[in-house]
PDB file of all heavy atoms in Angstrom:
ATOM      1  N   LEU A   1      84.397  45.662  90.406  1.00  0.00           N
ATOM      2  CA  LEU A   1      83.693  46.511  91.360  1.00  0.00           C
ATOM      3  C   LEU A   1      84.390  46.490  92.715  1.00  0.00           C
ATOM      4  O   LEU A   1      84.505  47.524  93.386  1.00  0.00           O
ATOM      5  CB  LEU A   1      82.239  46.045  91.496  1.00  0.00           C
ATOM      6  CG  LEU A   1      81.328  46.334  90.294  1.00  0.00           C
ATOM      7  CD1 LEU A   1      79.986  45.639  90.475  1.00  0.00           C
ATOM      8  CD2 LEU A   1      81.136  47.834  90.107  1.00  0.00           C
ATOM      9  N   TRP A   2      84.851  45.313  93.117  1.00  0.00           N
ATOM     10  CA  TRP A   2      85.600  45.197  94.375  1.00  0.00           C
ATOM     11  C   TRP A   2      86.893  46.009  94.314  1.00  0.00           C
ATOM     12  O   TRP A   2      87.233  46.740  95.250  1.00  0.00           O
ATOM     13  CB  TRP A   2      85.894  43.729  94.664  1.00  0.00           C
ATOM     14  CG  TRP A   2      86.855  43.500  95.797  1.00  0.00           C
ATOM     15  CD1 TRP A   2      88.197  43.241  95.702  1.00  0.00           C
ATOM     16  CD2 TRP A   2      86.549  43.525  97.194  1.00  0.00           C
ATOM     17  NE1 TRP A   2      88.747  43.098  96.944  1.00  0.00           N
ATOM     18  CE2 TRP A   2      87.769  43.267  97.883  1.00  0.00           C
ATOM     19  CE3 TRP A   2      85.388  43.735  97.931  1.00  0.00           C
ATOM     20  CZ2 TRP A   2      87.832  43.216  99.279  1.00  0.00           C
ATOM     21  CZ3 TRP A   2      85.465  43.677  99.319  1.00  0.00           C
ATOM     22  CH2 TRP A   2      86.669  43.426  99.976  1.00  0.00           C
ATOM     23  N   GLU A   3      87.621  45.895  93.218  1.00  0.00           N
ATOM     24  CA  GLU A   3      88.862  46.634  93.063  1.00  0.00           C
ATOM     25  C   GLU A   3      88.618  48.148  93.035  1.00  0.00           C
ATOM     26  O   GLU A   3      89.447  48.923  93.506  1.00  0.00           O
ATOM     27  CB  GLU A   3      89.583  46.187  91.792  1.00  0.00           C
ATOM     28  CG  GLU A   3      90.131  44.773  91.871  1.00  0.00           C
ATOM     29  CD  GLU A   3      90.830  44.351  90.593  1.00  0.00           C
ATOM     30  OE1 GLU A   3      90.770  45.119  89.600  1.00  0.00           O
ATOM     31  OE2 GLU A   3      91.435  43.258  90.582  1.00  0.00           O
ATOM     32  N   THR A   4      87.459  48.547  92.491  1.00  0.00           N
ATOM     33  CA  THR A   4      87.116  49.972  92.500  1.00  0.00           C
ATOM     34  C   THR A   4      86.934  50.464  93.927  1.00  0.00           C
ATOM     35  O   THR A   4      87.410  51.548  94.293  1.00  0.00           O
ATOM     36  CB  THR A   4      85.830  50.213  91.693  1.00  0.00           C
ATOM     37  OG1 THR A   4      86.058  49.858  90.332  1.00  0.00           O
ATOM     38  CG2 THR A   4      85.414  51.676  91.759  1.00  0.00           C
ATOM     39  N   GLY A   5      86.248  49.663  94.756  1.00  0.00           N
ATOM     40  CA  GLY A   5      86.076  50.045  96.156  1.00  0.00           C
ATOM     41  C   GLY A   5      87.404  50.170  96.879  1.00  0.00           C
ATOM     42  O   GLY A   5      87.642  51.126  97.637  1.00  0.00           O
ATOM     43  N   VAL A   6      88.309  49.223  96.635  1.00  0.00           N
ATOM     44  CA  VAL A   6      89.637  49.284  97.257  1.00  0.00           C
ATOM     45  C   VAL A   6      90.400  50.513  96.766  1.00  0.00           C
ATOM     46  O   VAL A   6      91.047  51.223  97.539  1.00  0.00           O
ATOM     47  CB  VAL A   6      90.426  47.998  96.960  1.00  0.00           C
ATOM     48  CG1 VAL A   6      91.858  48.101  97.491  1.00  0.00           C
ATOM     49  CG2 VAL A   6      89.722  46.786  97.574  1.00  0.00           C
ATOM     50  N   SER A   7      90.313  50.780  95.467  1.00  0.00           N
ATOM     51  CA  SER A   7      90.998  51.940  94.898  1.00  0.00           C
ATOM     52  C   SER A   7      90.449  53.239  95.477  1.00  0.00           C
ATOM     53  O   SER A   7      91.205  54.175  95.743  1.00  0.00           O
ATOM     54  CB  SER A   7      90.856  51.929  93.378  1.00  0.00           C
ATOM     55  OG  SER A   7      91.472  53.057  92.804  1.00  0.00           O
ATOM     56  N   PHE A   8      89.140  53.319  95.683  1.00  0.00           N
ATOM     57  CA  PHE A   8      88.552  54.519  96.272  1.00  0.00           C
ATOM     58  C   PHE A   8      89.055  54.741  97.693  1.00  0.00           C
ATOM     59  O   PHE A   8      89.178  55.875  98.150  1.00  0.00           O
ATOM     60  CB  PHE A   8      87.027  54.406  96.279  1.00  0.00           C
ATOM     61  CG  PHE A   8      86.393  54.738  94.959  1.00  0.00           C
ATOM     62  CD1 PHE A   8      87.159  54.942  93.816  1.00  0.00           C
ATOM     63  CD2 PHE A   8      85.017  54.859  94.847  1.00  0.00           C
ATOM     64  CE1 PHE A   8      86.569  55.248  92.594  1.00  0.00           C
ATOM     65  CE2 PHE A   8      84.406  55.173  93.635  1.00  0.00           C
ATOM     66  CZ  PHE A   8      85.188  55.364  92.510  1.00  0.00           C
ATOM     67  N   LEU A   9      89.353  53.663  98.397  1.00  0.00           N
ATOM     68  CA  LEU A   9      89.792  53.780  99.783  1.00  0.00           C
ATOM     69  C   LEU A   9      91.269  54.116  99.902  1.00  0.00           C
ATOM     70  O   LEU A   9      91.682  54.801 100.835  1.00  0.00           O
ATOM     71  CB  LEU A   9      89.509  52.477 100.538  1.00  0.00           C
ATOM     72  CG  LEU A   9      88.051  52.200 100.888  1.00  0.00           C
ATOM     73  CD1 LEU A   9      87.877  50.777 101.374  1.00  0.00           C
ATOM     74  CD2 LEU A   9      87.554  53.180 101.952  1.00  0.00           C
ATOM     75  N   ILE A  10      92.090  53.657  98.950  1.00  0.00           N
ATOM     76  CA  ILE A  10      93.535  53.804  99.149  1.00  0.00           C
ATOM     77  C   ILE A  10      94.322  54.101  97.876  1.00  0.00           C
ATOM     78  O   ILE A  10      95.490  54.493  97.938  1.00  0.00           O
ATOM     79  CB  ILE A  10      94.103  52.524  99.822  1.00  0.00           C
ATOM     80  CG1 ILE A  10      95.452  52.795 100.472  1.00  0.00           C
ATOM     81  CG2 ILE A  10      94.142  51.377  98.836  1.00  0.00           C
ATOM     82  CD1 ILE A  10      95.425  53.825 101.544  1.00  0.00           C
ATOM     83  N   GLY A  11      93.736  53.920  96.690  1.00  0.00           N
ATOM     84  CA  GLY A  11      94.483  54.181  95.461  1.00  0.00           C
ATOM     85  C   GLY A  11      95.111  52.917  94.906  1.00  0.00           C
ATOM     86  O   GLY A  11      94.765  51.805  95.300  1.00  0.00           O
ATOM     87  N   GLU A  12      96.054  53.064  93.977  1.00  0.00           N
ATOM     88  CA  GLU A  12      96.723  51.916  93.356  1.00  0.00           C
ATOM     89  C   GLU A  12      97.811  51.385  94.285  1.00  0.00           C
ATOM     90  O   GLU A  12      98.662  52.135  94.749  1.00  0.00           O
ATOM     91  CB  GLU A  12      97.347  52.332  92.020  1.00  0.00           C
ATOM     92  CG  GLU A  12      96.289  52.757  91.001  1.00  0.00           C
ATOM     93  CD  GLU A  12      96.508  52.075  89.676  1.00  0.00           C
ATOM     94  OE1 GLU A  12      96.909  50.901  89.662  1.00  0.00           O
ATOM     95  OE2 GLU A  12      96.299  52.731  88.664  1.00  0.00           O
ATOM     96  N   THR A  13      97.768  50.087  94.519  1.00  0.00           N
ATOM     97  CA  THR A  13      98.706  49.498  95.473  1.00  0.00           C
ATOM     98  C   THR A  13      99.390  48.248  94.942  1.00  0.00           C
ATOM     99  O   THR A  13      99.998  47.512  95.707  1.00  0.00           O
ATOM    100  CB  THR A  13      97.968  49.132  96.774  1.00  0.00           C
ATOM    101  OG1 THR A  13      96.899  48.229  96.457  1.00  0.00           O
ATOM    102  CG2 THR A  13      97.391  50.369  97.442  1.00  0.00           C
ATOM    103  N   GLY A  14      99.276  47.944  93.651  1.00  0.00           N
ATOM    104  CA  GLY A  14      99.904  46.747  93.098  1.00  0.00           C
ATOM    105  C   GLY A  14     101.413  46.884  93.021  1.00  0.00           C
ATOM    106  O   GLY A  14     101.979  47.968  93.183  1.00  0.00           O
ATOM    107  N   HIS A  15     102.092  45.755  92.757  1.00  0.00           N
ATOM    108  CA  HIS A  15     103.550  45.789  92.583  1.00  0.00           C
ATOM    109  C   HIS A  15     103.920  46.723  91.439  1.00  0.00           C
ATOM    110  O   HIS A  15     104.914  47.428  91.487  1.00  0.00           O
ATOM    111  CB  HIS A  15     104.087  44.376  92.287  1.00  0.00           C
ATOM    112  CG  HIS A  15     104.165  43.518  93.503  1.00  0.00           C
ATOM    113  ND1 HIS A  15     105.064  43.744  94.507  1.00  0.00           N
ATOM    114  CD2 HIS A  15     103.434  42.445  93.884  1.00  0.00           C
ATOM    115  CE1 HIS A  15     104.908  42.834  95.463  1.00  0.00           C
ATOM    116  NE2 HIS A  15     103.922  42.035  95.107  1.00  0.00           N
ATOM    117  N   VAL A  16     103.138  46.681  90.375  1.00  0.00           N
ATOM    118  CA  VAL A  16     103.340  47.540  89.213  1.00  0.00           C
ATOM    119  C   VAL A  16     101.996  48.160  88.894  1.00  0.00           C
ATOM    120  O   VAL A  16     100.955  47.554  89.117  1.00  0.00           O
ATOM    121  CB  VAL A  16     103.864  46.732  88.004  1.00  0.00           C
ATOM    122  CG1 VAL A  16     104.043  47.630  86.788  1.00  0.00           C
ATOM    123  CG2 VAL A  16     105.188  46.068  88.359  1.00  0.00           C
ATOM    124  N   ILE A  17     102.002  49.374  88.385  1.00  0.00           N
ATOM    125  CA  ILE A  17     100.756  50.037  88.068  1.00  0.00           C
ATOM    126  C   ILE A  17      99.904  49.175  87.142  1.00  0.00           C
ATOM    127  O   ILE A  17     100.429  48.473  86.281  1.00  0.00           O
ATOM    128  CB  ILE A  17     101.032  51.416  87.431  1.00  0.00           C
ATOM    129  CG1 ILE A  17      99.745  52.234  87.342  1.00  0.00           C
ATOM    130  CG2 ILE A  17     101.665  51.279  86.069  1.00  0.00           C
ATOM    131  CD1 ILE A  17      99.955  53.680  86.986  1.00  0.00           C
ATOM    132  N   ALA A  18      98.608  49.200  87.355  1.00  0.00           N
ATOM    133  CA  ALA A  18      97.609  48.428  86.599  1.00  0.00           C
ATOM    134  C   ALA A  18      97.481  46.995  87.093  1.00  0.00           C
ATOM    135  O   ALA A  18      96.711  46.228  86.557  1.00  0.00           O
ATOM    136  CB  ALA A  18      97.894  48.428  85.100  1.00  0.00           C
ATOM    137  N   GLU A  19      98.215  46.623  88.154  1.00  0.00           N
ATOM    138  CA  GLU A  19      98.034  45.307  88.746  1.00  0.00           C
ATOM    139  C   GLU A  19      96.911  45.354  89.776  1.00  0.00           C
ATOM    140  O   GLU A  19      96.451  46.420  90.183  1.00  0.00           O
ATOM    141  CB  GLU A  19      99.327  44.823  89.402  1.00  0.00           C
ATOM    142  CG  GLU A  19     100.360  44.316  88.430  1.00  0.00           C
ATOM    143  CD  GLU A  19     101.472  43.576  89.130  1.00  0.00           C
ATOM    144  OE1 GLU A  19     101.535  43.621  90.363  1.00  0.00           O
ATOM    145  OE2 GLU A  19     102.276  42.944  88.430  1.00  0.00           O
ATOM    146  N   ALA A  20      96.458  44.178  90.186  1.00  0.00           N
ATOM    147  CA  ALA A  20      95.407  44.106  91.194  1.00  0.00           C
ATOM    148  C   ALA A  20      95.879  44.747  92.499  1.00  0.00           C
ATOM    149  O   ALA A  20      97.057  44.646  92.854  1.00  0.00           O
ATOM    150  CB  ALA A  20      95.027  42.645  91.434  1.00  0.00           C
ATOM    151  N   PRO A  21      94.975  45.422  93.234  1.00  0.00           N
ATOM    152  CA  PRO A  21      95.397  46.122  94.455  1.00  0.00           C
ATOM    153  C   PRO A  21      95.652  45.167  95.602  1.00  0.00           C
ATOM    154  O   PRO A  21      95.181  44.024  95.612  1.00  0.00           O
ATOM    155  CB  PRO A  21      94.207  47.030  94.755  1.00  0.00           C
ATOM    156  CG  PRO A  21      93.031  46.297  94.177  1.00  0.00           C
ATOM    157  CD  PRO A  21      93.548  45.606  92.951  1.00  0.00           C
ATOM    158  N   ARG A  22      96.378  45.658  96.584  1.00  0.00           N
ATOM    159  CA  ARG A  22      96.591  44.918  97.827  1.00  0.00           C
ATOM    160  C   ARG A  22      95.567  45.428  98.840  1.00  0.00           C
ATOM    161  O   ARG A  22      95.686  46.539  99.367  1.00  0.00           O
ATOM    162  CB  ARG A  22      98.007  45.134  98.338  1.00  0.00           C
ATOM    163  CG  ARG A  22      99.089  44.661  97.393  1.00  0.00           C
ATOM    164  CD  ARG A  22     100.443  44.988  97.979  1.00  0.00           C
ATOM    165  NE  ARG A  22     101.512  44.614  97.091  1.00  0.00           N
ATOM    166  CZ  ARG A  22     102.797  44.854  97.360  1.00  0.00           C
ATOM    167  NH1 ARG A  22     103.142  45.482  98.454  1.00  0.00           N
ATOM    168  NH2 ARG A  22     103.725  44.478  96.515  1.00  0.00           N
ATOM    169  N   GLU A  23      94.597  44.586  99.145  1.00  0.00           N
ATOM    170  CA  GLU A  23      93.470  45.022  99.969  1.00  0.00           C
ATOM    171  C   GLU A  23      93.891  45.422 101.380  1.00  0.00           C
ATOM    172  O   GLU A  23      93.225  46.255 102.013  1.00  0.00           O
ATOM    173  CB  GLU A  23      92.418  43.911 100.050  1.00  0.00           C
ATOM    174  CG  GLU A  23      91.682  43.652  98.745  1.00  0.00           C
ATOM    175  CD  GLU A  23      92.402  42.673  97.844  1.00  0.00           C
ATOM    176  OE1 GLU A  23      93.565  42.329  98.158  1.00  0.00           O
ATOM    177  OE2 GLU A  23      91.810  42.244  96.826  1.00  0.00           O
ATOM    178  N   ARG A  24      94.987  44.868 101.902  1.00  0.00           N
ATOM    179  CA  ARG A  24      95.331  45.134 103.299  1.00  0.00           C
ATOM    180  C   ARG A  24      95.603  46.616 103.555  1.00  0.00           C
ATOM    181  O   ARG A  24      95.384  47.107 104.660  1.00  0.00           O
ATOM    182  CB  ARG A  24      96.540  44.288 103.709  1.00  0.00           C
ATOM    183  CG  ARG A  24      97.832  44.597 102.970  1.00  0.00           C
ATOM    184  CD  ARG A  24      98.962  43.716 103.504  1.00  0.00           C
ATOM    185  NE  ARG A  24     100.242  43.990 102.875  1.00  0.00           N
ATOM    186  CZ  ARG A  24     100.652  43.415 101.764  1.00  0.00           C
ATOM    187  NH1 ARG A  24      99.871  42.540 101.142  1.00  0.00           N
ATOM    188  NH2 ARG A  24     101.835  43.711 101.244  1.00  0.00           N
ATOM    189  N   TYR A  25      96.073  47.342 102.536  1.00  0.00           N
ATOM    190  CA  TYR A  25      96.329  48.768 102.733  1.00  0.00           C
ATOM    191  C   TYR A  25      95.029  49.541 102.929  1.00  0.00           C
ATOM    192  O   TYR A  25      95.034  50.646 103.480  1.00  0.00           O
ATOM    193  CB  TYR A  25      97.072  49.341 101.524  1.00  0.00           C
ATOM    194  CG  TYR A  25      98.507  48.876 101.414  1.00  0.00           C
ATOM    195  CD1 TYR A  25      98.948  48.186 100.288  1.00  0.00           C
ATOM    196  CD2 TYR A  25      99.422  49.129 102.428  1.00  0.00           C
ATOM    197  CE1 TYR A  25     100.263  47.757 100.178  1.00  0.00           C
ATOM    198  CE2 TYR A  25     100.734  48.705 102.332  1.00  0.00           C
ATOM    199  CZ  TYR A  25     101.148  48.021 101.199  1.00  0.00           C
ATOM    200  OH  TYR A  25     102.449  47.595 101.094  1.00  0.00           O
ATOM    201  N   ALA A  26      93.913  48.997 102.474  1.00  0.00           N
ATOM    202  CA  ALA A  26      92.626  49.682 102.579  1.00  0.00           C
ATOM    203  C   ALA A  26      91.898  49.360 103.874  1.00  0.00           C
ATOM    204  O   ALA A  26      90.811  49.891 104.107  1.00  0.00           O
ATOM    205  CB  ALA A  26      91.745  49.315 101.387  1.00  0.00           C
ATOM    206  N   LEU A  27      92.492  48.526 104.731  1.00  0.00           N
ATOM    207  CA  LEU A  27      91.793  48.089 105.941  1.00  0.00           C
ATOM    208  C   LEU A  27      91.527  49.261 106.888  1.00  0.00           C
ATOM    209  O   LEU A  27      90.400  49.428 107.385  1.00  0.00           O
ATOM    210  CB  LEU A  27      92.608  47.000 106.649  1.00  0.00           C
ATOM    211  CG  LEU A  27      91.981  46.434 107.928  1.00  0.00           C
ATOM    212  CD1 LEU A  27      90.625  45.815 107.611  1.00  0.00           C
ATOM    213  CD2 LEU A  27      92.914  45.397 108.571  1.00  0.00           C
ATOM    214  N   VAL A  28      92.531  50.083 107.162  1.00  0.00           N
ATOM    215  CA  VAL A  28      92.350  51.211 108.086  1.00  0.00           C
ATOM    216  C   VAL A  28      91.308  52.195 107.572  1.00  0.00           C
ATOM    217  O   VAL A  28      90.375  52.554 108.310  1.00  0.00           O
ATOM    218  CB  VAL A  28      93.704  51.909 108.345  1.00  0.00           C
ATOM    219  CG1 VAL A  28      93.495  53.205 109.143  1.00  0.00           C
ATOM    220  CG2 VAL A  28      94.641  50.979 109.105  1.00  0.00           C
ATOM    221  N   PRO A  29      91.391  52.667 106.304  1.00  0.00           N
ATOM    222  CA  PRO A  29      90.331  53.554 105.812  1.00  0.00           C
ATOM    223  C   PRO A  29      88.954  52.899 105.850  1.00  0.00           C
ATOM    224  O   PRO A  29      87.957  53.573 106.132  1.00  0.00           O
ATOM    225  CB  PRO A  29      90.762  53.858 104.376  1.00  0.00           C
ATOM    226  CG  PRO A  29      92.219  53.633 104.351  1.00  0.00           C
ATOM    227  CD  PRO A  29      92.459  52.512 105.309  1.00  0.00           C
ATOM    228  N   ALA A  30      88.874  51.599 105.571  1.00  0.00           N
ATOM    229  CA  ALA A  30      87.582  50.922 105.578  1.00  0.00           C
ATOM    230  C   ALA A  30      86.965  50.946 106.972  1.00  0.00           C
ATOM    231  O   ALA A  30      85.749  51.161 107.130  1.00  0.00           O
ATOM    232  CB  ALA A  30      87.737  49.483 105.083  1.00  0.00           C
ATOM    233  N   ILE A  31      87.791  50.738 107.992  1.00  0.00           N
ATOM    234  CA  ILE A  31      87.273  50.760 109.372  1.00  0.00           C
ATOM    235  C   ILE A  31      86.766  52.159 109.728  1.00  0.00           C
ATOM    236  O   ILE A  31      85.684  52.314 110.313  1.00  0.00           O
ATOM    237  CB  ILE A  31      88.384  50.315 110.349  1.00  0.00           C
ATOM    238  CG1 ILE A  31      88.701  48.827 110.133  1.00  0.00           C
ATOM    239  CG2 ILE A  31      87.964  50.563 111.792  1.00  0.00           C
ATOM    240  CD1 ILE A  31      89.888  48.332 110.942  1.00  0.00           C
ATOM    241  N   ILE A  32      87.518  53.195 109.359  1.00  0.00           N
ATOM    242  CA  ILE A  32      87.103  54.561 109.687  1.00  0.00           C
ATOM    243  C   ILE A  32      85.846  54.950 108.905  1.00  0.00           C
ATOM    244  O   ILE A  32      84.943  55.610 109.442  1.00  0.00           O
ATOM    245  CB  ILE A  32      88.256  55.542 109.417  1.00  0.00           C
ATOM    246  CG1 ILE A  32      89.448  55.205 110.310  1.00  0.00           C
ATOM    247  CG2 ILE A  32      87.813  56.979 109.646  1.00  0.00           C
ATOM    248  CD1 ILE A  32      90.666  56.075 110.083  1.00  0.00           C
ATOM    249  N   VAL A  33      85.777  54.552 107.635  1.00  0.00           N
ATOM    250  CA  VAL A  33      84.579  54.837 106.843  1.00  0.00           C
ATOM    251  C   VAL A  33      83.365  54.135 107.452  1.00  0.00           C
ATOM    252  O   VAL A  33      82.271  54.720 107.547  1.00  0.00           O
ATOM    253  CB  VAL A  33      84.785  54.400 105.385  1.00  0.00           C
ATOM    254  CG1 VAL A  33      83.467  54.396 104.623  1.00  0.00           C
ATOM    255  CG2 VAL A  33      85.781  55.321 104.694  1.00  0.00           C
ATOM    256  N   GLY A  34      83.531  52.888 107.881  1.00  0.00           N
ATOM    257  CA  GLY A  34      82.434  52.182 108.552  1.00  0.00           C
ATOM    258  C   GLY A  34      82.008  52.889 109.828  1.00  0.00           C
ATOM    259  O   GLY A  34      80.804  53.000 110.123  1.00  0.00           O
ATOM    260  N   ALA A  35      82.991  53.397 110.585  1.00  0.00           N
ATOM    261  CA  ALA A  35      82.665  54.145 111.806  1.00  0.00           C
ATOM    262  C   ALA A  35      81.897  55.414 111.479  1.00  0.00           C
ATOM    263  O   ALA A  35      80.963  55.798 112.210  1.00  0.00           O
ATOM    264  CB  ALA A  35      83.944  54.466 112.568  1.00  0.00           C
ATOM    265  N   ALA A  36      82.261  56.089 110.377  1.00  0.00           N
ATOM    266  CA  ALA A  36      81.555  57.314 109.976  1.00  0.00           C
ATOM    267  C   ALA A  36      80.095  57.013 109.653  1.00  0.00           C
ATOM    268  O   ALA A  36      79.193  57.788 110.018  1.00  0.00           O
ATOM    269  CB  ALA A  36      82.250  57.945 108.781  1.00  0.00           C
ATOM    270  N   LEU A  37      79.837  55.905 108.971  1.00  0.00           N
ATOM    271  CA  LEU A  37      78.460  55.539 108.643  1.00  0.00           C
ATOM    272  C   LEU A  37      77.659  55.229 109.913  1.00  0.00           C
ATOM    273  O   LEU A  37      76.476  55.592 110.020  1.00  0.00           O
ATOM    274  CB  LEU A  37      78.455  54.328 107.703  1.00  0.00           C
ATOM    275  CG  LEU A  37      79.062  54.542 106.309  1.00  0.00           C
ATOM    276  CD1 LEU A  37      79.064  53.239 105.519  1.00  0.00           C
ATOM    277  CD2 LEU A  37      78.319  55.620 105.554  1.00  0.00           C
ATOM    278  N   ILE A  38      78.295  54.563 110.880  1.00  0.00           N
ATOM    279  CA  ILE A  38      77.614  54.266 112.139  1.00  0.00           C
ATOM    280  C   ILE A  38      77.310  55.552 112.901  1.00  0.00           C
ATOM    281  O   ILE A  38      76.217  55.725 113.470  1.00  0.00           O
ATOM    282  CB  ILE A  38      78.477  53.311 112.995  1.00  0.00           C
ATOM    283  CG1 ILE A  38      78.587  51.947 112.303  1.00  0.00           C
ATOM    284  CG2 ILE A  38      77.881  53.153 114.392  1.00  0.00           C
ATOM    285  CD1 ILE A  38      79.542  50.989 112.985  1.00  0.00           C
ATOM    286  N   LEU A  39      78.266  56.490 112.898  1.00  0.00           N
ATOM    287  CA  LEU A  39      78.059  57.749 113.611  1.00  0.00           C
ATOM    288  C   LEU A  39      76.882  58.531 113.044  1.00  0.00           C
ATOM    289  O   LEU A  39      76.052  59.055 113.791  1.00  0.00           O
ATOM    290  CB  LEU A  39      79.341  58.594 113.549  1.00  0.00           C
ATOM    291  CG  LEU A  39      80.495  58.161 114.456  1.00  0.00           C
ATOM    292  CD1 LEU A  39      81.741  58.988 114.164  1.00  0.00           C
ATOM    293  CD2 LEU A  39      80.094  58.302 115.928  1.00  0.00           C
ATOM    294  N   VAL A  40      76.814  58.627 111.719  1.00  0.00           N
ATOM    295  CA  VAL A  40      75.716  59.409 111.139  1.00  0.00           C
ATOM    296  C   VAL A  40      74.381  58.696 111.319  1.00  0.00           C
ATOM    297  O   VAL A  40      73.322  59.351 111.440  1.00  0.00           O
ATOM    298  CB  VAL A  40      75.995  59.704 109.653  1.00  0.00           C
ATOM    299  CG1 VAL A  40      75.816  58.461 108.796  1.00  0.00           C
ATOM    300  CG2 VAL A  40      75.084  60.823 109.144  1.00  0.00           C
ATOM    301  N   ALA A  41      74.401  57.362 111.366  1.00  0.00           N
ATOM    302  CA  ALA A  41      73.156  56.620 111.539  1.00  0.00           C
ATOM    303  C   ALA A  41      72.646  56.695 112.975  1.00  0.00           C
ATOM    304  O   ALA A  41      71.427  56.804 113.203  1.00  0.00           O
ATOM    305  CB  ALA A  41      73.350  55.158 111.136  1.00  0.00           C
ATOM    306  N   LEU A  42      73.557  56.654 113.944  1.00  0.00           N
ATOM    307  CA  LEU A  42      73.147  56.598 115.352  1.00  0.00           C
ATOM    308  C   LEU A  42      73.141  57.956 116.033  1.00  0.00           C
ATOM    309  O   LEU A  42      72.311  58.197 116.927  1.00  0.00           O
ATOM    310  CB  LEU A  42      74.067  55.638 116.114  1.00  0.00           C
ATOM    311  CG  LEU A  42      74.079  54.175 115.639  1.00  0.00           C
ATOM    312  CD1 LEU A  42      75.004  53.346 116.509  1.00  0.00           C
ATOM    313  CD2 LEU A  42      72.677  53.595 115.646  1.00  0.00           C
ATOM    314  N   ARG A  43      74.053  58.833 115.637  1.00  0.00           N
ATOM    315  CA  ARG A  43      74.180  60.106 116.336  1.00  0.00           C
ATOM    316  C   ARG A  43      73.889  61.318 115.458  1.00  0.00           C
ATOM    317  O   ARG A  43      73.929  62.443 115.948  1.00  0.00           O
ATOM    318  CB  ARG A  43      75.595  60.237 116.916  1.00  0.00           C
ATOM    319  CG  ARG A  43      75.940  59.171 117.939  1.00  0.00           C
ATOM    320  CD  ARG A  43      77.256  59.494 118.618  1.00  0.00           C
ATOM    321  NE  ARG A  43      77.617  58.490 119.600  1.00  0.00           N
ATOM    322  CZ  ARG A  43      78.703  58.560 120.380  1.00  0.00           C
ATOM    323  NH1 ARG A  43      79.524  59.617 120.267  1.00  0.00           N
ATOM    324  NH2 ARG A  43      78.972  57.611 121.250  1.00  0.00           N
TER     325      ARG A  43
END
């Protein structure tokens, strides 16, 4: 489930396809997605 969330944010990022993703590539999209949720909740 965690890997699915990372994949939804950035796609496949392993050394070879079908490997576990590298979460660091999903950090920027995760921050922007979190900001979007805050914006719709507050504004």
